[in-house]
Amino acid sequence: MSESRVRMVVLSTENLESSIAFYEGLGFPLKFRDGSHFAALDGGDITLALATKIDHPIPGQVVVGVKTDDVDAAARAIEAAGGGIARGPYNDAHERRAVVYDDQGNGIVFYSPLPA
């Protein structure tokens, strides 16, 4: 399998403003914001992401974001290991993604930036 690195933890929120204020108050500065549905905060080596239902891969769950150089191979490896696919590999505006579950139902998003 290709190299993979945990780079993000995605939390669900119904109120992005409130969640940003909460985590900034705990010392996590805002790095990036996409309207009223997604924000990335600086968690050091790992980004703490906040997402509403519009942008959250599995609303209501904590999801681990894993950066990989081969999203398709990572999704196939999940299935081979007994996990499941919630949304197969696809391209969005900035990256290729696959939303999957491990064998215990925990959510994972594999992602890789799209070429510029």
PDB file of N, CA and C in Angstrom:
ATOM      1  N   MET A   1       0.846  -1.189   0.000  1.00  0.00           N
ATOM      2  CA  MET A   1       0.000   0.000   0.000  1.00  0.00           C
ATOM      3  C   MET A   1       0.884   1.242   0.000  1.00  0.00           C
ATOM      4  N   SER A   2       0.370   2.330  -0.508  1.00  0.00           N
ATOM      5  CA  SER A   2       1.117   3.574  -0.569  1.00  0.00           C
ATOM      6  C   SER A   2       1.312   4.163   0.825  1.00  0.00           C
ATOM      7  N   GLU A   3       2.197   5.141   0.900  1.00  0.00           N
ATOM      8  CA  GLU A   3       2.450   5.799   2.180  1.00  0.00           C
ATOM      9  C   GLU A   3       1.235   6.611   2.599  1.00  0.00           C
ATOM     10  N   SER A   4       0.857   6.499   3.865  1.00  0.00           N
ATOM     11  CA  SER A   4      -0.291   7.225   4.405  1.00  0.00           C
ATOM     12  C   SER A   4       0.098   7.865   5.724  1.00  0.00           C
ATOM     13  N   ARG A   5      -0.449   9.059   5.971  1.00  0.00           N
ATOM     14  CA  ARG A   5      -0.163   9.780   7.208  1.00  0.00           C
ATOM     15  C   ARG A   5      -1.435  10.391   7.760  1.00  0.00           C
ATOM     16  N   VAL A   6      -1.676  10.206   9.051  1.00  0.00           N
ATOM     17  CA  VAL A   6      -2.813  10.862   9.696  1.00  0.00           C
ATOM     18  C   VAL A   6      -2.484  12.347   9.761  1.00  0.00           C
ATOM     19  N   ARG A   7      -3.334  13.158   9.147  1.00  0.00           N
ATOM     20  CA  ARG A   7      -3.091  14.595   9.072  1.00  0.00           C
ATOM     21  C   ARG A   7      -4.232  15.423   9.647  1.00  0.00           C
ATOM     22  N   MET A   8      -5.390  14.776   9.916  1.00  0.00           N
ATOM     23  CA  MET A   8      -6.550  15.556  10.310  1.00  0.00           C
ATOM     24  C   MET A   8      -7.513  14.718  11.146  1.00  0.00           C
ATOM     25  N   VAL A   9      -8.177  15.380  12.074  1.00  0.00           N
ATOM     26  CA  VAL A   9      -9.312  14.811  12.792  1.00  0.00           C
ATOM     27  C   VAL A   9     -10.480  15.741  12.500  1.00  0.00           C
ATOM     28  N   VAL A  10     -11.590  15.174  12.007  1.00  0.00           N
ATOM     29  CA  VAL A  10     -12.749  15.970  11.611  1.00  0.00           C
ATOM     30  C   VAL A  10     -13.866  15.769  12.641  1.00  0.00           C
ATOM     31  N   LEU A  11     -14.286  16.855  13.251  1.00  0.00           N
ATOM     32  CA  LEU A  11     -15.379  16.832  14.230  1.00  0.00           C
ATOM     33  C   LEU A  11     -16.633  17.420  13.603  1.00  0.00           C
ATOM     34  N   SER A  12     -17.784  16.902  13.989  1.00  0.00           N
ATOM     35  CA  SER A  12     -19.066  17.452  13.538  1.00  0.00           C
ATOM     36  C   SER A  12     -19.443  18.663  14.370  1.00  0.00           C
ATOM     37  N   THR A  13     -20.075  19.625  13.718  1.00  0.00           N
ATOM     38  CA  THR A  13     -20.634  20.773  14.420  1.00  0.00           C
ATOM     39  C   THR A  13     -21.908  21.207  13.724  1.00  0.00           C
ATOM     40  N   GLU A  14     -22.827  21.740  14.490  1.00  0.00           N
ATOM     41  CA  GLU A  14     -24.033  22.334  13.920  1.00  0.00           C
ATOM     42  C   GLU A  14     -23.926  23.849  13.924  1.00  0.00           C
ATOM     43  N   ASN A  15     -22.901  24.366  14.627  1.00  0.00           N
ATOM     44  CA  ASN A  15     -22.695  25.813  14.702  1.00  0.00           C
ATOM     45  C   ASN A  15     -21.204  26.085  14.557  1.00  0.00           C
ATOM     46  N   LEU A  16     -20.778  26.370  13.337  1.00  0.00           N
ATOM     47  CA  LEU A  16     -19.358  26.558  13.070  1.00  0.00           C
ATOM     48  C   LEU A  16     -18.775  27.721  13.862  1.00  0.00           C
ATOM     49  N   GLU A  17     -19.492  28.838  13.930  1.00  0.00           N
ATOM     50  CA  GLU A  17     -19.004  30.012  14.673  1.00  0.00           C
ATOM     51  C   GLU A  17     -18.687  29.665  16.118  1.00  0.00           C
ATOM     52  N   SER A  18     -19.626  29.007  16.765  1.00  0.00           N
ATOM     53  CA  SER A  18     -19.458  28.630  18.163  1.00  0.00           C
ATOM     54  C   SER A  18     -18.289  27.661  18.338  1.00  0.00           C
ATOM     55  N   SER A  19     -18.190  26.692  17.439  1.00  0.00           N
ATOM     56  CA  SER A  19     -17.115  25.702  17.550  1.00  0.00           C
ATOM     57  C   SER A  19     -15.748  26.324  17.328  1.00  0.00           C
ATOM     58  N   ILE A  20     -15.651  27.232  16.345  1.00  0.00           N
ATOM     59  CA  ILE A  20     -14.376  27.920  16.124  1.00  0.00           C
ATOM     60  C   ILE A  20     -13.981  28.687  17.380  1.00  0.00           C
ATOM     61  N   ALA A  21     -14.909  29.444  17.943  1.00  0.00           N
ATOM     62  CA  ALA A  21     -14.622  30.228  19.155  1.00  0.00           C
ATOM     63  C   ALA A  21     -14.190  29.320  20.301  1.00  0.00           C
ATOM     64  N   PHE A  22     -14.869  28.187  20.439  1.00  0.00           N
ATOM     65  CA  PHE A  22     -14.540  27.243  21.508  1.00  0.00           C
ATOM     66  C   PHE A  22     -13.103  26.756  21.374  1.00  0.00           C
ATOM     67  N   TYR A  23     -12.733  26.272  20.194  1.00  0.00           N
ATOM     68  CA  TYR A  23     -11.403  25.696  20.015  1.00  0.00           C
ATOM     69  C   TYR A  23     -10.308  26.748  19.949  1.00  0.00           C
ATOM     70  N   GLU A  24     -10.617  27.933  19.423  1.00  0.00           N
ATOM     71  CA  GLU A  24      -9.629  29.013  19.487  1.00  0.00           C
ATOM     72  C   GLU A  24      -9.364  29.379  20.942  1.00  0.00           C
ATOM     73  N   GLY A  25     -10.411  29.346  21.774  1.00  0.00           N
ATOM     74  CA  GLY A  25     -10.250  29.612  23.203  1.00  0.00           C
ATOM     75  C   GLY A  25      -9.373  28.584  23.908  1.00  0.00           C
ATOM     76  N   LEU A  26      -9.264  27.403  23.323  1.00  0.00           N
ATOM     77  CA  LEU A  26      -8.394  26.367  23.879  1.00  0.00           C
ATOM     78  C   LEU A  26      -6.985  26.427  23.290  1.00  0.00           C
ATOM     79  N   GLY A  27      -6.735  27.420  22.430  1.00  0.00           N
ATOM     80  CA  GLY A  27      -5.394  27.600  21.891  1.00  0.00           C
ATOM     81  C   GLY A  27      -5.151  27.020  20.514  1.00  0.00           C
ATOM     82  N   PHE A  28      -6.221  26.704  19.770  1.00  0.00           N
ATOM     83  CA  PHE A  28      -6.075  26.183  18.408  1.00  0.00           C
ATOM     84  C   PHE A  28      -6.409  27.303  17.423  1.00  0.00           C
ATOM     85  N   PRO A  29      -5.404  27.986  16.856  1.00  0.00           N
ATOM     86  CA  PRO A  29      -5.690  29.095  15.952  1.00  0.00           C
ATOM     87  C   PRO A  29      -6.292  28.632  14.621  1.00  0.00           C
ATOM     88  N   LEU A  30      -7.154  29.470  14.069  1.00  0.00           N
ATOM     89  CA  LEU A  30      -7.797  29.189  12.797  1.00  0.00           C
ATOM     90  C   LEU A  30      -6.767  29.281  11.674  1.00  0.00           C
ATOM     91  N   LYS A  31      -6.712  28.222  10.828  1.00  0.00           N
ATOM     92  CA  LYS A  31      -5.819  28.202   9.666  1.00  0.00           C
ATOM     93  C   LYS A  31      -6.575  28.521   8.387  1.00  0.00           C
ATOM     94  N   PHE A  32      -7.782  28.013   8.272  1.00  0.00           N
ATOM     95  CA  PHE A  32      -8.539  28.108   7.025  1.00  0.00           C
ATOM     96  C   PHE A  32     -10.018  27.978   7.340  1.00  0.00           C
ATOM     97  N   ARG A  33     -10.814  28.687   6.558  1.00  0.00           N
ATOM     98  CA  ARG A  33     -12.263  28.600   6.738  1.00  0.00           C
ATOM     99  C   ARG A  33     -12.924  28.589   5.371  1.00  0.00           C
ATOM    100  N   ASP A  34     -13.917  27.734   5.217  1.00  0.00           N
ATOM    101  CA  ASP A  34     -14.689  27.673   3.983  1.00  0.00           C
ATOM    102  C   ASP A  34     -16.139  27.997   4.321  1.00  0.00           C
ATOM    103  N   GLY A  35     -16.483  29.265   4.236  1.00  0.00           N
ATOM    104  CA  GLY A  35     -17.841  29.723   4.506  1.00  0.00           C
ATOM    105  C   GLY A  35     -18.314  29.378   5.896  1.00  0.00           C
ATOM    106  N   SER A  36     -19.560  28.912   5.971  1.00  0.00           N
ATOM    107  CA  SER A  36     -20.161  28.585   7.267  1.00  0.00           C
ATOM    108  C   SER A  36     -20.256  27.077   7.471  1.00  0.00           C
ATOM    109  N   HIS A  37     -19.422  26.299   6.723  1.00  0.00           N
ATOM    110  CA  HIS A  37     -19.554  24.851   6.841  1.00  0.00           C
ATOM    111  C   HIS A  37     -18.263  24.087   7.099  1.00  0.00           C
ATOM    112  N   PHE A  38     -17.087  24.741   7.054  1.00  0.00           N
ATOM    113  CA  PHE A  38     -15.835  24.020   7.311  1.00  0.00           C
ATOM    114  C   PHE A  38     -14.784  24.978   7.823  1.00  0.00           C
ATOM    115  N   ALA A  39     -14.010  24.518   8.802  1.00  0.00           N
ATOM    116  CA  ALA A  39     -12.869  25.288   9.303  1.00  0.00           C
ATOM    117  C   ALA A  39     -11.761  24.323   9.693  1.00  0.00           C
ATOM    118  N   ALA A  40     -10.529  24.756   9.455  1.00  0.00           N
ATOM    119  CA  ALA A  40      -9.355  23.986   9.855  1.00  0.00           C
ATOM    120  C   ALA A  40      -8.589  24.800  10.880  1.00  0.00           C
ATOM    121  N   LEU A  41      -8.293  24.159  12.012  1.00  0.00           N
ATOM    122  CA  LEU A  41      -7.547  24.821  13.075  1.00  0.00           C
ATOM    123  C   LEU A  41      -6.190  24.147  13.231  1.00  0.00           C
ATOM    124  N   ASP A  42      -5.219  24.929  13.662  1.00  0.00           N
ATOM    125  CA  ASP A  42      -3.856  24.437  13.805  1.00  0.00           C
ATOM    126  C   ASP A  42      -3.732  23.600  15.069  1.00  0.00           C
ATOM    127  N   GLY A  43      -3.574  22.302  14.873  1.00  0.00           N
ATOM    128  CA  GLY A  43      -3.389  21.383  15.981  1.00  0.00           C
ATOM    129  C   GLY A  43      -1.957  20.862  16.044  1.00  0.00           C
ATOM    130  N   GLY A  44      -1.004  21.638  15.503  1.00  0.00           N
ATOM    131  CA  GLY A  44       0.380  21.175  15.454  1.00  0.00           C
ATOM    132  C   GLY A  44       0.573  20.280  14.245  1.00  0.00           C
ATOM    133  N   ASP A  45       0.974  19.055  14.465  1.00  0.00           N
ATOM    134  CA  ASP A  45       1.199  18.117  13.362  1.00  0.00           C
ATOM    135  C   ASP A  45      -0.096  17.638  12.719  1.00  0.00           C
ATOM    136  N   ILE A  46      -1.195  17.781  13.421  1.00  0.00           N
ATOM    137  CA  ILE A  46      -2.494  17.315  12.925  1.00  0.00           C
ATOM    138  C   ILE A  46      -3.468  18.485  12.913  1.00  0.00           C
ATOM    139  N   THR A  47      -4.225  18.614  11.833  1.00  0.00           N
ATOM    140  CA  THR A  47      -5.236  19.656  11.719  1.00  0.00           C
ATOM    141  C   THR A  47      -6.498  19.210  12.448  1.00  0.00           C
ATOM    142  N   LEU A  48      -7.065  20.102  13.223  1.00  0.00           N
ATOM    143  CA  LEU A  48      -8.359  19.880  13.850  1.00  0.00           C
ATOM    144  C   LEU A  48      -9.392  20.542  12.948  1.00  0.00           C
ATOM    145  N   ALA A  49     -10.215  19.746  12.290  1.00  0.00           N
ATOM    146  CA  ALA A  49     -11.208  20.269  11.361  1.00  0.00           C
ATOM    147  C   ALA A  49     -12.588  20.241  12.001  1.00  0.00           C
ATOM    148  N   LEU A  50     -13.363  21.256  11.692  1.00  0.00           N
ATOM    149  CA  LEU A  50     -14.752  21.369  12.151  1.00  0.00           C
ATOM    150  C   LEU A  50     -15.617  21.444  10.911  1.00  0.00           C
ATOM    151  N   ALA A  51     -16.649  20.613  10.830  1.00  0.00           N
ATOM    152  CA  ALA A  51     -17.470  20.593   9.625  1.00  0.00           C
ATOM    153  C   ALA A  51     -18.941  20.371   9.959  1.00  0.00           C
ATOM    154  N   THR A  52     -19.781  21.120   9.251  1.00  0.00           N
ATOM    155  CA  THR A  52     -21.221  20.903   9.355  1.00  0.00           C
ATOM    156  C   THR A  52     -21.595  19.763   8.411  1.00  0.00           C
ATOM    157  N   LYS A  53     -22.867  19.395   8.403  1.00  0.00           N
ATOM    158  CA  LYS A  53     -23.334  18.289   7.557  1.00  0.00           C
ATOM    159  C   LYS A  53     -22.995  18.488   6.083  1.00  0.00           C
ATOM    160  N   ILE A  54     -22.917  19.735   5.644  1.00  0.00           N
ATOM    161  CA  ILE A  54     -22.616  20.026   4.239  1.00  0.00           C
ATOM    162  C   ILE A  54     -21.251  19.470   3.848  1.00  0.00           C
ATOM    163  N   ASP A  55     -20.277  19.595   4.723  1.00  0.00           N
ATOM    164  CA  ASP A  55     -18.897  19.231   4.386  1.00  0.00           C
ATOM    165  C   ASP A  55     -18.345  18.050   5.178  1.00  0.00           C
ATOM    166  N   HIS A  56     -19.084  17.548   6.155  1.00  0.00           N
ATOM    167  CA  HIS A  56     -18.569  16.451   6.967  1.00  0.00           C
ATOM    168  C   HIS A  56     -18.756  15.128   6.227  1.00  0.00           C
ATOM    169  N   PRO A  57     -17.709  14.311   6.153  1.00  0.00           N
ATOM    170  CA  PRO A  57     -17.828  13.051   5.408  1.00  0.00           C
ATOM    171  C   PRO A  57     -18.819  12.063   6.015  1.00  0.00           C
ATOM    172  N   ILE A  58     -18.918  12.040   7.347  1.00  0.00           N
ATOM    173  CA  ILE A  58     -19.869  11.161   8.043  1.00  0.00           C
ATOM    174  C   ILE A  58     -20.440  11.972   9.213  1.00  0.00           C
ATOM    175  N   PRO A  59     -21.445  12.809   8.972  1.00  0.00           N
ATOM    176  CA  PRO A  59     -21.962  13.687  10.021  1.00  0.00           C
ATOM    177  C   PRO A  59     -22.279  12.931  11.313  1.00  0.00           C
ATOM    178  N   GLY A  60     -21.880  13.550  12.416  1.00  0.00           N
ATOM    179  CA  GLY A  60     -22.140  12.969  13.728  1.00  0.00           C
ATOM    180  C   GLY A  60     -21.021  12.095  14.252  1.00  0.00           C
ATOM    181  N   GLN A  61     -20.048  11.780  13.433  1.00  0.00           N
ATOM    182  CA  GLN A  61     -18.924  10.952  13.873  1.00  0.00           C
ATOM    183  C   GLN A  61     -17.627  11.748  13.862  1.00  0.00           C
ATOM    184  N   VAL A  62     -16.702  11.327  14.696  1.00  0.00           N
ATOM    185  CA  VAL A  62     -15.329  11.801  14.583  1.00  0.00           C
ATOM    186  C   VAL A  62     -14.701  10.982  13.462  1.00  0.00           C
ATOM    187  N   VAL A  63     -14.057  11.653  12.526  1.00  0.00           N
ATOM    188  CA  VAL A  63     -13.460  10.986  11.373  1.00  0.00           C
ATOM    189  C   VAL A  63     -11.982  11.343  11.315  1.00  0.00           C
ATOM    190  N   VAL A  64     -11.154  10.357  11.051  1.00  0.00           N
ATOM    191  CA  VAL A  64      -9.717  10.563  10.903  1.00  0.00           C
ATOM    192  C   VAL A  64      -9.425  10.817   9.431  1.00  0.00           C
ATOM    193  N   GLY A  65      -8.692  11.884   9.136  1.00  0.00           N
ATOM    194  CA  GLY A  65      -8.277  12.196   7.777  1.00  0.00           C
ATOM    195  C   GLY A  65      -6.866  11.688   7.543  1.00  0.00           C
ATOM    196  N   VAL A  66      -6.709  10.835   6.544  1.00  0.00           N
ATOM    197  CA  VAL A  66      -5.411  10.235   6.245  1.00  0.00           C
ATOM    198  C   VAL A  66      -4.967  10.686   4.861  1.00  0.00           C
ATOM    199  N   LYS A  67      -3.854  11.405   4.816  1.00  0.00           N
ATOM    200  CA  LYS A  67      -3.299  11.838   3.537  1.00  0.00           C
ATOM    201  C   LYS A  67      -2.505  10.691   2.941  1.00  0.00           C
ATOM    202  N   THR A  68      -2.769  10.394   1.685  1.00  0.00           N
ATOM    203  CA  THR A  68      -2.111   9.287   1.011  1.00  0.00           C
ATOM    204  C   THR A  68      -1.802   9.682  -0.425  1.00  0.00           C
ATOM    205  N   ASP A  69      -0.867   9.003  -1.042  1.00  0.00           N
ATOM    206  CA  ASP A  69      -0.570   9.314  -2.432  1.00  0.00           C
ATOM    207  C   ASP A  69      -1.407   8.476  -3.397  1.00  0.00           C
ATOM    208  N   ASP A  70      -2.212   7.522  -2.879  1.00  0.00           N
ATOM    209  CA  ASP A  70      -3.058   6.697  -3.748  1.00  0.00           C
ATOM    210  C   ASP A  70      -4.377   6.382  -3.044  1.00  0.00           C
ATOM    211  N   VAL A  71      -5.340   7.258  -3.211  1.00  0.00           N
ATOM    212  CA  VAL A  71      -6.656   7.125  -2.570  1.00  0.00           C
ATOM    213  C   VAL A  71      -7.340   5.834  -3.007  1.00  0.00           C
ATOM    214  N   ASP A  72      -7.269   5.516  -4.281  1.00  0.00           N
ATOM    215  CA  ASP A  72      -7.947   4.333  -4.797  1.00  0.00           C
ATOM    216  C   ASP A  72      -7.390   3.052  -4.171  1.00  0.00           C
ATOM    217  N   ALA A  73      -6.071   2.960  -4.067  1.00  0.00           N
ATOM    218  CA  ALA A  73      -5.446   1.778  -3.456  1.00  0.00           C
ATOM    219  C   ALA A  73      -5.802   1.685  -1.975  1.00  0.00           C
ATOM    220  N   ALA A  74      -5.855   2.822  -1.297  1.00  0.00           N
ATOM    221  CA  ALA A  74      -6.214   2.816   0.122  1.00  0.00           C
ATOM    222  C   ALA A  74      -7.640   2.306   0.321  1.00  0.00           C
ATOM    223  N   ALA A  75      -8.562   2.735  -0.537  1.00  0.00           N
ATOM    224  CA  ALA A  75      -9.955   2.271  -0.439  1.00  0.00           C
ATOM    225  C   ALA A  75     -10.037   0.766  -0.694  1.00  0.00           C
ATOM    226  N   ARG A  76      -9.305   0.281  -1.690  1.00  0.00           N
ATOM    227  CA  ARG A  76      -9.299  -1.162  -1.966  1.00  0.00           C
ATOM    228  C   ARG A  76      -8.734  -1.940  -0.771  1.00  0.00           C
ATOM    229  N   ALA A  77      -7.705  -1.397  -0.135  1.00  0.00           N
ATOM    230  CA  ALA A  77      -7.094  -2.061   1.024  1.00  0.00           C
ATOM    231  C   ALA A  77      -8.077  -2.138   2.192  1.00  0.00           C
ATOM    232  N   ILE A  78      -8.887  -1.090   2.371  1.00  0.00           N
ATOM    233  CA  ILE A  78      -9.907  -1.103   3.433  1.00  0.00           C
ATOM    234  C   ILE A  78     -10.888  -2.244   3.197  1.00  0.00           C
ATOM    235  N   GLU A  79     -11.385  -2.367   1.972  1.00  0.00           N
ATOM    236  CA  GLU A  79     -12.325  -3.446   1.657  1.00  0.00           C
ATOM    237  C   GLU A  79     -11.679  -4.810   1.846  1.00  0.00           C
ATOM    238  N   ALA A  80     -10.456  -4.966   1.410  1.00  0.00           N
ATOM    239  CA  ALA A  80      -9.758  -6.252   1.530  1.00  0.00           C
ATOM    240  C   ALA A  80      -9.541  -6.636   2.988  1.00  0.00           C
ATOM    241  N   ALA A  81      -9.425  -5.629   3.849  1.00  0.00           N
ATOM    242  CA  ALA A  81      -9.180  -5.885   5.268  1.00  0.00           C
ATOM    243  C   ALA A  81     -10.474  -6.067   6.067  1.00  0.00           C
ATOM    244  N   GLY A  82     -11.634  -5.979   5.392  1.00  0.00           N
ATOM    245  CA  GLY A  82     -12.896  -6.196   6.094  1.00  0.00           C
ATOM    246  C   GLY A  82     -13.638  -4.930   6.454  1.00  0.00           C
ATOM    247  N   GLY A  83     -13.158  -3.769   5.997  1.00  0.00           N
ATOM    248  CA  GLY A  83     -13.861  -2.517   6.227  1.00  0.00           C
ATOM    249  C   GLY A  83     -14.891  -2.284   5.137  1.00  0.00           C
ATOM    250  N   GLY A  84     -15.435  -1.076   5.075  1.00  0.00           N
ATOM    251  CA  GLY A  84     -16.452  -0.769   4.091  1.00  0.00           C
ATOM    252  C   GLY A  84     -16.248   0.584   3.450  1.00  0.00           C
ATOM    253  N   ILE A  85     -16.893   0.779   2.337  1.00  0.00           N
ATOM    254  CA  ILE A  85     -16.811   2.037   1.596  1.00  0.00           C
ATOM    255  C   ILE A  85     -18.123   2.801   1.782  1.00  0.00           C
ATOM    256  N   ALA A  86     -18.040   4.004   2.337  1.00  0.00           N
ATOM    257  CA  ALA A  86     -19.211   4.870   2.445  1.00  0.00           C
ATOM    258  C   ALA A  86     -19.386   5.681   1.165  1.00  0.00           C
ATOM    259  N   ARG A  87     -18.284   6.130   0.605  1.00  0.00           N
ATOM    260  CA  ARG A  87     -18.288   6.841  -0.678  1.00  0.00           C
ATOM    261  C   ARG A  87     -16.959   6.548  -1.361  1.00  0.00           C
ATOM    262  N   GLY A  88     -17.042   5.876  -2.475  1.00  0.00           N
ATOM    263  CA  GLY A  88     -15.849   5.466  -3.210  1.00  0.00           C
ATOM    264  C   GLY A  88     -15.033   6.648  -3.688  1.00  0.00           C
ATOM    265  N   PRO A  89     -13.831   6.406  -4.159  1.00  0.00           N
ATOM    266  CA  PRO A  89     -12.949   7.496  -4.583  1.00  0.00           C
ATOM    267  C   PRO A  89     -13.630   8.462  -5.553  1.00  0.00           C
ATOM    268  N   TYR A  90     -13.462   9.746  -5.288  1.00  0.00           N
ATOM    269  CA  TYR A  90     -14.033  10.804  -6.120  1.00  0.00           C
ATOM    270  C   TYR A  90     -13.173  12.051  -6.007  1.00  0.00           C
ATOM    271  N   ASN A  91     -13.284  12.931  -6.969  1.00  0.00           N
ATOM    272  CA  ASN A  91     -12.583  14.210  -6.942  1.00  0.00           C
ATOM    273  C   ASN A  91     -13.543  15.298  -6.505  1.00  0.00           C
ATOM    274  N   ASP A  92     -13.091  16.144  -5.573  1.00  0.00           N
ATOM    275  CA  ASP A  92     -13.844  17.351  -5.270  1.00  0.00           C
ATOM    276  C   ASP A  92     -13.034  18.521  -5.829  1.00  0.00           C
ATOM    277  N   ALA A  93     -13.285  19.718  -5.374  1.00  0.00           N
ATOM    278  CA  ALA A  93     -12.615  20.889  -5.940  1.00  0.00           C
ATOM    279  C   ALA A  93     -11.106  20.898  -5.721  1.00  0.00           C
ATOM    280  N   HIS A  94     -10.631  20.280  -4.624  1.00  0.00           N
ATOM    281  CA  HIS A  94      -9.220  20.411  -4.269  1.00  0.00           C
ATOM    282  C   HIS A  94      -8.466  19.093  -4.127  1.00  0.00           C
ATOM    283  N   GLU A  95      -9.180  18.005  -3.945  1.00  0.00           N
ATOM    284  CA  GLU A  95      -8.487  16.750  -3.648  1.00  0.00           C
ATOM    285  C   GLU A  95      -9.297  15.545  -4.095  1.00  0.00           C
ATOM    286  N   ARG A  96      -8.622  14.414  -4.166  1.00  0.00           N
ATOM    287  CA  ARG A  96      -9.285  13.132  -4.397  1.00  0.00           C
ATOM    288  C   ARG A  96      -9.553  12.546  -3.022  1.00  0.00           C
ATOM    289  N   ARG A  97     -10.750  11.979  -2.823  1.00  0.00           N
ATOM    290  CA  ARG A  97     -11.149  11.456  -1.507  1.00  0.00           C
ATOM    291  C   ARG A  97     -11.833  10.110  -1.642  1.00  0.00           C
ATOM    292  N   ALA A  98     -11.789   9.361  -0.550  1.00  0.00           N
ATOM    293  CA  ALA A  98     -12.626   8.176  -0.361  1.00  0.00           C
ATOM    294  C   ALA A  98     -13.042   8.184   1.096  1.00  0.00           C
ATOM    295  N   VAL A  99     -14.322   7.991   1.356  1.00  0.00           N
ATOM    296  CA  VAL A  99     -14.852   7.938   2.719  1.00  0.00           C
ATOM    297  C   VAL A  99     -15.123   6.469   3.024  1.00  0.00           C
ATOM    298  N   VAL A 100     -14.472   5.971   4.063  1.00  0.00           N
ATOM    299  CA  VAL A 100     -14.535   4.534   4.364  1.00  0.00           C
ATOM    300  C   VAL A 100     -14.769   4.315   5.855  1.00  0.00           C
ATOM    301  N   TYR A 101     -15.040   3.047   6.182  1.00  0.00           N
ATOM    302  CA  TYR A 101     -15.172   2.611   7.575  1.00  0.00           C
ATOM    303  C   TYR A 101     -14.156   1.506   7.821  1.00  0.00           C
ATOM    304  N   ASP A 102     -13.588   1.497   9.022  1.00  0.00           N
ATOM    305  CA  ASP A 102     -12.758   0.351   9.370  1.00  0.00           C
ATOM    306  C   ASP A 102     -13.669  -0.826   9.744  1.00  0.00           C
ATOM    307  N   ASP A 103     -13.093  -1.922  10.163  1.00  0.00           N
ATOM    308  CA  ASP A 103     -13.890  -3.120  10.464  1.00  0.00           C
ATOM    309  C   ASP A 103     -14.751  -2.978  11.712  1.00  0.00           C
ATOM    310  N   GLN A 104     -14.598  -1.856  12.442  1.00  0.00           N
ATOM    311  CA  GLN A 104     -15.417  -1.606  13.631  1.00  0.00           C
ATOM    312  C   GLN A 104     -16.398  -0.455  13.420  1.00  0.00           C
ATOM    313  N   GLY A 105     -16.447   0.075  12.205  1.00  0.00           N
ATOM    314  CA  GLY A 105     -17.392   1.139  11.893  1.00  0.00           C
ATOM    315  C   GLY A 105     -16.875   2.553  12.088  1.00  0.00           C
ATOM    316  N   ASN A 106     -15.591   2.711  12.396  1.00  0.00           N
ATOM    317  CA  ASN A 106     -15.004   4.035  12.568  1.00  0.00           C
ATOM    318  C   ASN A 106     -14.729   4.671  11.207  1.00  0.00           C
ATOM    319  N   GLY A 107     -15.025   5.966  11.081  1.00  0.00           N
ATOM    320  CA  GLY A 107     -14.871   6.657   9.815  1.00  0.00           C
ATOM    321  C   GLY A 107     -13.453   7.116   9.548  1.00  0.00           C
ATOM    322  N   ILE A 108     -13.058   6.980   8.292  1.00  0.00           N
ATOM    323  CA  ILE A 108     -11.747   7.428   7.815  1.00  0.00           C
ATOM    324  C   ILE A 108     -11.975   8.099   6.462  1.00  0.00           C
ATOM    325  N   VAL A 109     -11.282   9.197   6.232  1.00  0.00           N
ATOM    326  CA  VAL A 109     -11.266   9.814   4.912  1.00  0.00           C
ATOM    327  C   VAL A 109      -9.834   9.744   4.399  1.00  0.00           C
ATOM    328  N   PHE A 110      -9.639   9.068   3.301  1.00  0.00           N
ATOM    329  CA  PHE A 110      -8.354   9.088   2.620  1.00  0.00           C
ATOM    330  C   PHE A 110      -8.417  10.237   1.618  1.00  0.00           C
ATOM    331  N   TYR A 111      -7.360  11.030   1.548  1.00  0.00           N
ATOM    332  CA  TYR A 111      -7.359  12.157   0.605  1.00  0.00           C
ATOM    333  C   TYR A 111      -5.977  12.390   0.046  1.00  0.00           C
ATOM    334  N   SER A 112      -5.961  13.003  -1.126  1.00  0.00           N
ATOM    335  CA  SER A 112      -4.720  13.366  -1.798  1.00  0.00           C
ATOM    336  C   SER A 112      -4.993  14.615  -2.610  1.00  0.00           C
ATOM    337  N   PRO A 113      -4.151  15.647  -2.476  1.00  0.00           N
ATOM    338  CA  PRO A 113      -4.378  16.866  -3.262  1.00  0.00           C
ATOM    339  C   PRO A 113      -4.354  16.577  -4.758  1.00  0.00           C
ATOM    340  N   LEU A 114      -5.228  17.269  -5.486  1.00  0.00           N
ATOM    341  CA  LEU A 114      -5.231  17.155  -6.938  1.00  0.00           C
ATOM    342  C   LEU A 114      -4.081  17.972  -7.511  1.00  0.00           C
ATOM    343  N   PRO A 115      -3.538  17.545  -8.647  1.00  0.00           N
ATOM    344  CA  PRO A 115      -2.474  18.342  -9.275  1.00  0.00           C
ATOM    345  C   PRO A 115      -2.988  19.738  -9.600  1.00  0.00           C
ATOM    346  N   ALA A 116      -2.107  20.712  -9.497  1.00  0.00           N
ATOM    347  CA  ALA A 116      -2.496  22.115  -9.762  1.00  0.00           C
ATOM    348  C   ALA A 116      -2.776  22.365 -11.224  1.00  0.00           C
TER     349      ALA A 116
END
